[in-house]
PDB file of N, CA and C in Angstrom:
ATOM      1  N   MET A   1     110.090 131.882  43.708  1.00  0.00           N
ATOM      2  CA  MET A   1     110.650 131.043  44.751  1.00  0.00           C
ATOM      3  C   MET A   1     111.408 129.885  44.088  1.00  0.00           C
ATOM      4  N   PRO A   2     112.682 129.760  44.388  1.00  0.00           N
ATOM      5  CA  PRO A   2     113.500 128.722  43.743  1.00  0.00           C
ATOM      6  C   PRO A   2     112.998 127.300  43.995  1.00  0.00           C
ATOM      7  N   LEU A   3     112.504 127.029  45.184  1.00  0.00           N
ATOM      8  CA  LEU A   3     112.048 125.671  45.482  1.00  0.00           C
ATOM      9  C   LEU A   3     110.870 125.283  44.598  1.00  0.00           C
ATOM     10  N   CYS A   4     109.933 126.196  44.399  1.00  0.00           N
ATOM     11  CA  CYS A   4     108.779 125.911  43.533  1.00  0.00           C
ATOM     12  C   CYS A   4     109.224 125.712  42.088  1.00  0.00           C
ATOM     13  N   ARG A   5     110.202 126.489  41.652  1.00  0.00           N
ATOM     14  CA  ARG A   5     110.726 126.326  40.287  1.00  0.00           C
ATOM     15  C   ARG A   5     111.370 124.956  40.132  1.00  0.00           C
ATOM     16  N   TYR A   6     112.126 124.541  41.139  1.00  0.00           N
ATOM     17  CA  TYR A   6     112.782 123.232  41.095  1.00  0.00           C
ATOM     18  C   TYR A   6     111.747 122.111  41.085  1.00  0.00           C
ATOM     19  N   MET A   7     110.753 122.203  41.984  1.00  0.00           N
ATOM     20  CA  MET A   7     109.727 121.155  42.050  1.00  0.00           C
ATOM     21  C   MET A   7     108.944 121.084  40.748  1.00  0.00           C
ATOM     22  N   SER A   8     108.591 122.241  40.196  1.00  0.00           N
ATOM     23  CA  SER A   8     107.847 122.275  38.943  1.00  0.00           C
ATOM     24  C   SER A   8     108.644 121.622  37.821  1.00  0.00           C
ATOM     25  N   SER A   9     109.913 121.960  37.730  1.00  0.00           N
ATOM     26  CA  SER A   9     110.775 121.396  36.696  1.00  0.00           C
ATOM     27  C   SER A   9     110.922 119.884  36.859  1.00  0.00           C
ATOM     28  N   THR A  10     111.117 119.437  38.082  1.00  0.00           N
ATOM     29  CA  THR A  10     111.281 118.004  38.349  1.00  0.00           C
ATOM     30  C   THR A  10     109.999 117.237  38.061  1.00  0.00           C
ATOM     31  N   LEU A  11     108.869 117.778  38.499  1.00  0.00           N
ATOM     32  CA  LEU A  11     107.587 117.108  38.246  1.00  0.00           C
ATOM     33  C   LEU A  11     107.300 117.021  36.751  1.00  0.00           C
ATOM     34  N   LEU A  12     107.595 118.078  36.020  1.00  0.00           N
ATOM     35  CA  LEU A  12     107.365 118.078  34.576  1.00  0.00           C
ATOM     36  C   LEU A  12     108.246 117.032  33.883  1.00  0.00           C
ATOM     37  N   ARG A  13     109.505 116.942  34.306  1.00  0.00           N
ATOM     38  CA  ARG A  13     110.417 115.947  33.726  1.00  0.00           C
ATOM     39  C   ARG A  13     109.909 114.533  33.998  1.00  0.00           C
ATOM     40  N   VAL A  14     109.472 114.271  35.225  1.00  0.00           N
ATOM     41  CA  VAL A  14     108.951 112.946  35.581  1.00  0.00           C
ATOM     42  C   VAL A  14     107.663 112.661  34.818  1.00  0.00           C
ATOM     43  N   ALA A  15     106.806 113.677  34.671  1.00  0.00           N
ATOM     44  CA  ALA A  15     105.537 113.496  33.955  1.00  0.00           C
ATOM     45  C   ALA A  15     105.761 113.166  32.482  1.00  0.00           C
ATOM     46  N   ARG A  16     106.841 113.653  31.909  1.00  0.00           N
ATOM     47  CA  ARG A  16     107.148 113.334  30.508  1.00  0.00           C
ATOM     48  C   ARG A  16     107.623 111.888  30.357  1.00  0.00           C
ATOM     49  N   GLU A  17     108.204 111.342  31.416  1.00  0.00           N
ATOM     50  CA  GLU A  17     108.760 109.986  31.365  1.00  0.00           C
ATOM     51  C   GLU A  17     107.743 108.910  31.738  1.00  0.00           C
ATOM     52  N   HIS A  18     106.685 109.286  32.464  1.00  0.00           N
ATOM     53  CA  HIS A  18     105.712 108.311  32.959  1.00  0.00           C
ATOM     54  C   HIS A  18     104.290 108.766  32.635  1.00  0.00           C
ATOM     55  N   SER A  19     103.405 107.802  32.455  1.00  0.00           N
ATOM     56  CA  SER A  19     102.026 108.147  32.104  1.00  0.00           C
ATOM     57  C   SER A  19     101.214 108.599  33.317  1.00  0.00           C
ATOM     58  N   LEU A  20     101.639 108.217  34.514  1.00  0.00           N
ATOM     59  CA  LEU A  20     100.917 108.596  35.728  1.00  0.00           C
ATOM     60  C   LEU A  20     101.923 109.009  36.795  1.00  0.00           C
ATOM     61  N   VAL A  21     101.717 110.176  37.365  1.00  0.00           N
ATOM     62  CA  VAL A  21     102.605 110.683  38.412  1.00  0.00           C
ATOM     63  C   VAL A  21     101.750 111.197  39.555  1.00  0.00           C
ATOM     64  N   VAL A  22     102.099 110.807  40.767  1.00  0.00           N
ATOM     65  CA  VAL A  22     101.425 111.310  41.962  1.00  0.00           C
ATOM     66  C   VAL A  22     102.474 112.037  42.793  1.00  0.00           C
ATOM     67  N   ALA A  23     102.190 113.270  43.151  1.00  0.00           N
ATOM     68  CA  ALA A  23     103.123 114.055  43.966  1.00  0.00           C
ATOM     69  C   ALA A  23     102.355 114.699  45.109  1.00  0.00           C
ATOM     70  N   VAL A  24     102.922 114.643  46.279  1.00  0.00           N
ATOM     71  CA  VAL A  24     102.331 115.295  47.446  1.00  0.00           C
ATOM     72  C   VAL A  24     103.183 116.519  47.750  1.00  0.00           C
ATOM     73  N   VAL A  25     102.569 117.688  47.645  1.00  0.00           N
ATOM     74  CA  VAL A  25     103.281 118.938  47.919  1.00  0.00           C
ATOM     75  C   VAL A  25     102.454 119.765  48.890  1.00  0.00           C
ATOM     76  N   GLY A  26     103.124 120.638  49.592  1.00  0.00           N
ATOM     77  CA  GLY A  26     102.430 121.518  50.527  1.00  0.00           C
ATOM     78  C   GLY A  26     101.563 122.526  49.793  1.00  0.00           C
ATOM     79  N   LYS A  27     100.473 122.909  50.429  1.00  0.00           N
ATOM     80  CA  LYS A  27      99.533 123.858  49.826  1.00  0.00           C
ATOM     81  C   LYS A  27     100.224 125.174  49.450  1.00  0.00           C
ATOM     82  N   GLY A  28     101.201 125.570  50.235  1.00  0.00           N
ATOM     83  CA  GLY A  28     101.912 126.819  49.979  1.00  0.00           C
ATOM     84  C   GLY A  28     102.757 126.793  48.715  1.00  0.00           C
ATOM     85  N   HIS A  29     103.096 125.599  48.232  1.00  0.00           N
ATOM     86  CA  HIS A  29     103.924 125.482  47.032  1.00  0.00           C
ATOM     87  C   HIS A  29     103.094 125.371  45.757  1.00  0.00           C
ATOM     88  N   LEU A  30     101.805 125.102  45.881  1.00  0.00           N
ATOM     89  CA  LEU A  30     100.959 124.841  44.722  1.00  0.00           C
ATOM     90  C   LEU A  30     100.939 126.002  43.729  1.00  0.00           C
ATOM     91  N   GLN A  31     100.746 127.226  44.224  1.00  0.00           N
ATOM     92  CA  GLN A  31     100.707 128.400  43.340  1.00  0.00           C
ATOM     93  C   GLN A  31     102.019 128.559  42.581  1.00  0.00           C
ATOM     94  N   GLY A  32     103.140 128.400  43.281  1.00  0.00           N
ATOM     95  CA  GLY A  32     104.445 128.552  42.642  1.00  0.00           C
ATOM     96  C   GLY A  32     104.698 127.490  41.590  1.00  0.00           C
ATOM     97  N   ILE A  33     104.268 126.258  41.877  1.00  0.00           N
ATOM     98  CA  ILE A  33     104.445 125.172  40.908  1.00  0.00           C
ATOM     99  C   ILE A  33     103.620 125.461  39.654  1.00  0.00           C
ATOM    100  N   LYS A  34     102.374 125.896  39.845  1.00  0.00           N
ATOM    101  CA  LYS A  34     101.524 126.236  38.697  1.00  0.00           C
ATOM    102  C   LYS A  34     102.119 127.396  37.900  1.00  0.00           C
ATOM    103  N   LYS A  35     102.647 128.379  38.607  1.00  0.00           N
ATOM    104  CA  LYS A  35     103.209 129.565  37.956  1.00  0.00           C
ATOM    105  C   LYS A  35     104.416 129.195  37.087  1.00  0.00           C
ATOM    106  N   HIS A  36     105.236 128.280  37.554  1.00  0.00           N
ATOM    107  CA  HIS A  36     106.475 127.944  36.854  1.00  0.00           C
ATOM    108  C   HIS A  36     106.355 126.704  35.972  1.00  0.00           C
ATOM    109  N   TRP A  37     105.147 126.145  35.854  1.00  0.00           N
ATOM    110  CA  TRP A  37     104.947 124.938  35.046  1.00  0.00           C
ATOM    111  C   TRP A  37     105.326 125.221  33.599  1.00  0.00           C
ATOM    112  N   LYS A  38     106.082 124.350  33.001  1.00  0.00           N
ATOM    113  CA  LYS A  38     106.539 124.419  31.604  1.00  0.00           C
ATOM    114  C   LYS A  38     107.459 125.600  31.322  1.00  0.00           C
ATOM    115  N   GLN A  39     108.016 126.208  32.347  1.00  0.00           N
ATOM    116  CA  GLN A  39     109.017 127.251  32.137  1.00  0.00           C
ATOM    117  C   GLN A  39     110.393 126.607  32.276  1.00  0.00           C
ATOM    118  N   PRO A  40     111.308 126.934  31.374  1.00  0.00           N
ATOM    119  CA  PRO A  40     112.645 126.339  31.470  1.00  0.00           C
ATOM    120  C   PRO A  40     113.352 126.786  32.750  1.00  0.00           C
ATOM    121  N   VAL A  41     114.061 125.852  33.353  1.00  0.00           N
ATOM    122  CA  VAL A  41     114.764 126.141  34.598  1.00  0.00           C
ATOM    123  C   VAL A  41     116.230 125.761  34.441  1.00  0.00           C
ATOM    124  N   SER A  42     117.095 126.669  34.790  1.00  0.00           N
ATOM    125  CA  SER A  42     118.528 126.404  34.778  1.00  0.00           C
ATOM    126  C   SER A  42     118.961 126.044  36.194  1.00  0.00           C
ATOM    127  N   VAL A  43     119.672 124.943  36.331  1.00  0.00           N
ATOM    128  CA  VAL A  43     120.139 124.518  37.654  1.00  0.00           C
ATOM    129  C   VAL A  43     121.037 125.593  38.260  1.00  0.00           C
ATOM    130  N   ASN A  44     121.845 126.239  37.447  1.00  0.00           N
ATOM    131  CA  ASN A  44     122.720 127.306  37.957  1.00  0.00           C
ATOM    132  C   ASN A  44     121.919 128.455  38.558  1.00  0.00           C
ATOM    133  N   ASP A  45     120.773 128.776  37.951  1.00  0.00           N
ATOM    134  CA  ASP A  45     119.913 129.824  38.505  1.00  0.00           C
ATOM    135  C   ASP A  45     119.388 129.424  39.879  1.00  0.00           C
ATOM    136  N   LEU A  46     119.073 128.145  40.040  1.00  0.00           N
ATOM    137  CA  LEU A  46     118.542 127.671  41.317  1.00  0.00           C
ATOM    138  C   LEU A  46     119.617 127.640  42.398  1.00  0.00           C
ATOM    139  N   LEU A  47     120.860 127.447  42.006  1.00  0.00           N
ATOM    140  CA  LEU A  47     121.953 127.374  42.972  1.00  0.00           C
ATOM    141  C   LEU A  47     122.466 128.746  43.387  1.00  0.00           C
ATOM    142  N   GLU A  48     122.062 129.778  42.667  1.00  0.00           N
ATOM    143  CA  GLU A  48     122.525 131.131  42.964  1.00  0.00           C
ATOM    144  C   GLU A  48     121.857 131.652  44.227  1.00  0.00           C
ATOM    145  N   ILE A  49     122.659 132.190  45.130  1.00  0.00           N
ATOM    146  CA  ILE A  49     122.137 132.759  46.372  1.00  0.00           C
ATOM    147  C   ILE A  49     121.910 134.247  46.138  1.00  0.00           C
ATOM    148  N   PRO A  50     120.654 134.699  46.301  1.00  0.00           N
ATOM    149  CA  PRO A  50     120.381 136.119  46.080  1.00  0.00           C
ATOM    150  C   PRO A  50     121.109 136.977  47.118  1.00  0.00           C
ATOM    151  N   SER A  51     121.613 138.126  46.685  1.00  0.00           N
ATOM    152  CA  SER A  51     122.316 139.009  47.611  1.00  0.00           C
ATOM    153  C   SER A  51     121.310 139.747  48.482  1.00  0.00           C
ATOM    154  N   GLN A  52     121.764 140.051  49.698  1.00  0.00           N
ATOM    155  CA  GLN A  52     120.899 140.793  50.605  1.00  0.00           C
ATOM    156  C   GLN A  52     120.795 142.235  50.143  1.00  0.00           C
ATOM    157  N   LYS A  53     119.654 142.810  50.379  1.00  0.00           N
ATOM    158  CA  LYS A  53     119.466 144.210  50.031  1.00  0.00           C
ATOM    159  C   LYS A  53     120.250 145.058  51.038  1.00  0.00           C
ATOM    160  N   PRO A  54     121.012 146.048  50.560  1.00  0.00           N
ATOM    161  CA  PRO A  54     121.815 146.878  51.461  1.00  0.00           C
ATOM    162  C   PRO A  54     120.979 147.596  52.510  1.00  0.00           C
ATOM    163  N   VAL A  55     119.745 147.936  52.180  1.00  0.00           N
ATOM    164  CA  VAL A  55     118.887 148.650  53.123  1.00  0.00           C
ATOM    165  C   VAL A  55     118.633 147.789  54.352  1.00  0.00           C
ATOM    166  N   LEU A  56     118.364 146.507  54.141  1.00  0.00           N
ATOM    167  CA  LEU A  56     118.112 145.618  55.265  1.00  0.00           C
ATOM    168  C   LEU A  56     119.357 145.456  56.120  1.00  0.00           C
ATOM    169  N   LEU A  57     120.497 145.323  55.497  1.00  0.00           N
ATOM    170  CA  LEU A  57     121.746 145.161  56.229  1.00  0.00           C
ATOM    171  C   LEU A  57     122.048 146.414  57.043  1.00  0.00           C
ATOM    172  N   THR A  58     121.861 147.586  56.458  1.00  0.00           N
ATOM    173  CA  THR A  58     122.089 148.844  57.162  1.00  0.00           C
ATOM    174  C   THR A  58     121.142 148.964  58.350  1.00  0.00           C
ATOM    175  N   GLY A  59     119.899 148.583  58.156  1.00  0.00           N
ATOM    176  CA  GLY A  59     118.925 148.627  59.246  1.00  0.00           C
ATOM    177  C   GLY A  59     119.317 147.718  60.392  1.00  0.00           C
ATOM    178  N   LYS A  60     119.818 146.540  60.070  1.00  0.00           N
ATOM    179  CA  LYS A  60     120.244 145.607  61.118  1.00  0.00           C
ATOM    180  C   LYS A  60     121.441 146.159  61.885  1.00  0.00           C
ATOM    181  N   ILE A  61     122.371 146.780  61.165  1.00  0.00           N
ATOM    182  CA  ILE A  61     123.548 147.358  61.818  1.00  0.00           C
ATOM    183  C   ILE A  61     123.134 148.494  62.745  1.00  0.00           C
ATOM    184  N   LEU A  62     122.270 149.384  62.259  1.00  0.00           N
ATOM    185  CA  LEU A  62     121.816 150.507  63.085  1.00  0.00           C
ATOM    186  C   LEU A  62     121.039 150.025  64.305  1.00  0.00           C
ATOM    187  N   THR A  63     120.224 149.013  64.137  1.00  0.00           N
ATOM    188  CA  THR A  63     119.477 148.455  65.263  1.00  0.00           C
ATOM    189  C   THR A  63     120.433 147.862  66.286  1.00  0.00           C
ATOM    190  N   SER A  64     121.435 147.138  65.822  1.00  0.00           N
ATOM    191  CA  SER A  64     122.419 146.536  66.727  1.00  0.00           C
ATOM    192  C   SER A  64     123.173 147.605  67.508  1.00  0.00           C
ATOM    193  N   ILE A  65     123.564 148.679  66.833  1.00  0.00           N
ATOM    194  CA  ILE A  65     124.268 149.772  67.512  1.00  0.00           C
ATOM    195  C   ILE A  65     123.361 150.413  68.554  1.00  0.00           C
ATOM    196  N   GLY A  66     122.101 150.633  68.193  1.00  0.00           N
ATOM    197  CA  GLY A  66     121.149 151.219  69.134  1.00  0.00           C
ATOM    198  C   GLY A  66     120.952 150.357  70.369  1.00  0.00           C
ATOM    199  N   VAL A  67     120.836 149.057  70.171  1.00  0.00           N
ATOM    200  CA  VAL A  67     120.670 148.136  71.301  1.00  0.00           C
ATOM    201  C   VAL A  67     121.925 148.143  72.167  1.00  0.00           C
ATOM    202  N   ALA A  68     123.096 148.168  71.542  1.00  0.00           N
ATOM    203  CA  ALA A  68     124.354 148.186  72.298  1.00  0.00           C
ATOM    204  C   ALA A  68     124.475 149.461  73.129  1.00  0.00           C
ATOM    205  N   VAL A  69     124.155 150.609  72.532  1.00  0.00           N
ATOM    206  CA  VAL A  69     124.232 151.884  73.251  1.00  0.00           C
ATOM    207  C   VAL A  69     123.249 151.889  74.418  1.00  0.00           C
ATOM    208  N   ALA A  70     122.040 151.414  74.187  1.00  0.00           N
ATOM    209  CA  ALA A  70     121.049 151.361  75.262  1.00  0.00           C
ATOM    210  C   ALA A  70     121.521 150.431  76.376  1.00  0.00           C
ATOM    211  N   GLY A  71     122.101 149.299  76.008  1.00  0.00           N
ATOM    212  CA  GLY A  71     122.607 148.352  77.010  1.00  0.00           C
ATOM    213  C   GLY A  71     123.713 148.959  77.851  1.00  0.00           C
ATOM    214  N   VAL A  72     124.646 149.662  77.208  1.00  0.00           N
ATOM    215  CA  VAL A  72     125.737 150.315  77.942  1.00  0.00           C
ATOM    216  C   VAL A  72     125.176 151.380  78.874  1.00  0.00           C
ATOM    217  N   ALA A  73     124.196 152.148  78.407  1.00  0.00           N
ATOM    218  CA  ALA A  73     123.590 153.193  79.237  1.00  0.00           C
ATOM    219  C   ALA A  73     122.905 152.590  80.457  1.00  0.00           C
ATOM    220  N   ILE A  74     122.194 151.508  80.273  1.00  0.00           N
ATOM    221  CA  ILE A  74     121.496 150.864  81.395  1.00  0.00           C
ATOM    222  C   ILE A  74     122.496 150.302  82.393  1.00  0.00           C
ATOM    223  N   ILE A  75     123.510 149.614  81.905  1.00  0.00           N
ATOM    224  CA  ILE A  75     124.509 149.026  82.799  1.00  0.00           C
ATOM    225  C   ILE A  75     125.278 150.122  83.537  1.00  0.00           C
ATOM    226  N   SER A  76     125.628 151.204  82.836  1.00  0.00           N
ATOM    227  CA  SER A  76     126.327 152.325  83.480  1.00  0.00           C
ATOM    228  C   SER A  76     125.457 152.946  84.556  1.00  0.00           C
ATOM    229  N   GLY A  77     124.179 153.123  84.257  1.00  0.00           N
ATOM    230  CA  GLY A  77     123.253 153.690  85.235  1.00  0.00           C
ATOM    231  C   GLY A  77     123.120 152.810  86.462  1.00  0.00           C
ATOM    232  N   LEU A  78     123.028 151.507  86.264  1.00  0.00           N
ATOM    233  CA  LEU A  78     122.933 150.581  87.397  1.00  0.00           C
ATOM    234  C   LEU A  78     124.218 150.597  88.220  1.00  0.00           C
ATOM    235  N   HIS A  79     125.339 150.658  87.540  1.00  0.00           N
ATOM    236  CA  HIS A  79     126.634 150.670  88.224  1.00  0.00           C
ATOM    237  C   HIS A  79     126.794 151.945  89.054  1.00  0.00           C
ATOM    238  N   LEU A  80     126.430 153.085  88.469  1.00  0.00           N
ATOM    239  CA  LEU A  80     126.550 154.360  89.181  1.00  0.00           C
ATOM    240  C   LEU A  80     125.578 154.441  90.352  1.00  0.00           C
ATOM    241  N   SER A  81     124.375 153.908  90.192  1.00  0.00           N
ATOM    242  CA  SER A  81     123.396 153.979  91.280  1.00  0.00           C
ATOM    243  C   SER A  81     123.766 153.046  92.426  1.00  0.00           C
ATOM    244  N   SER A  82     124.494 151.988  92.162  1.00  0.00           N
ATOM    245  CA  SER A  82     124.885 151.063  93.233  1.00  0.00           C
ATOM    246  C   SER A  82     126.042 151.620  94.055  1.00  0.00           C
ATOM    247  N   LYS A  83     126.784 152.615  93.535  1.00  0.00           N
ATOM    248  CA  LYS A  83     127.899 153.216  94.262  1.00  0.00           C
ATOM    249  C   LYS A  83     127.424 154.237  95.285  1.00  0.00           C
ATOM    250  N   LYS A  84     126.193 154.696  95.180  1.00  0.00           N
ATOM    251  CA  LYS A  84     125.695 155.740  96.093  1.00  0.00           C
ATOM    252  C   LYS A  84     125.330 155.190  97.428  1.00  0.00           C
TER     253      LYS A  84
END
């Protein structure tokens, strides 16, 4: 998780500059901070946006098409039944 890597890197830098550091972090970030403690972090790596997996994108497209087809079928059915 990039945020935990950033927080870990920042806390480590501050801890090297000061003898006492107090930081309040969410419980969910604690594991990530511990995992990335003392690991080098490149700012460019943190700024990189991970690409979406093609499988997820394809699934979203297929779901959208399915919903659209179902919507057209329902509206057509309602329209045809109101003409009778």
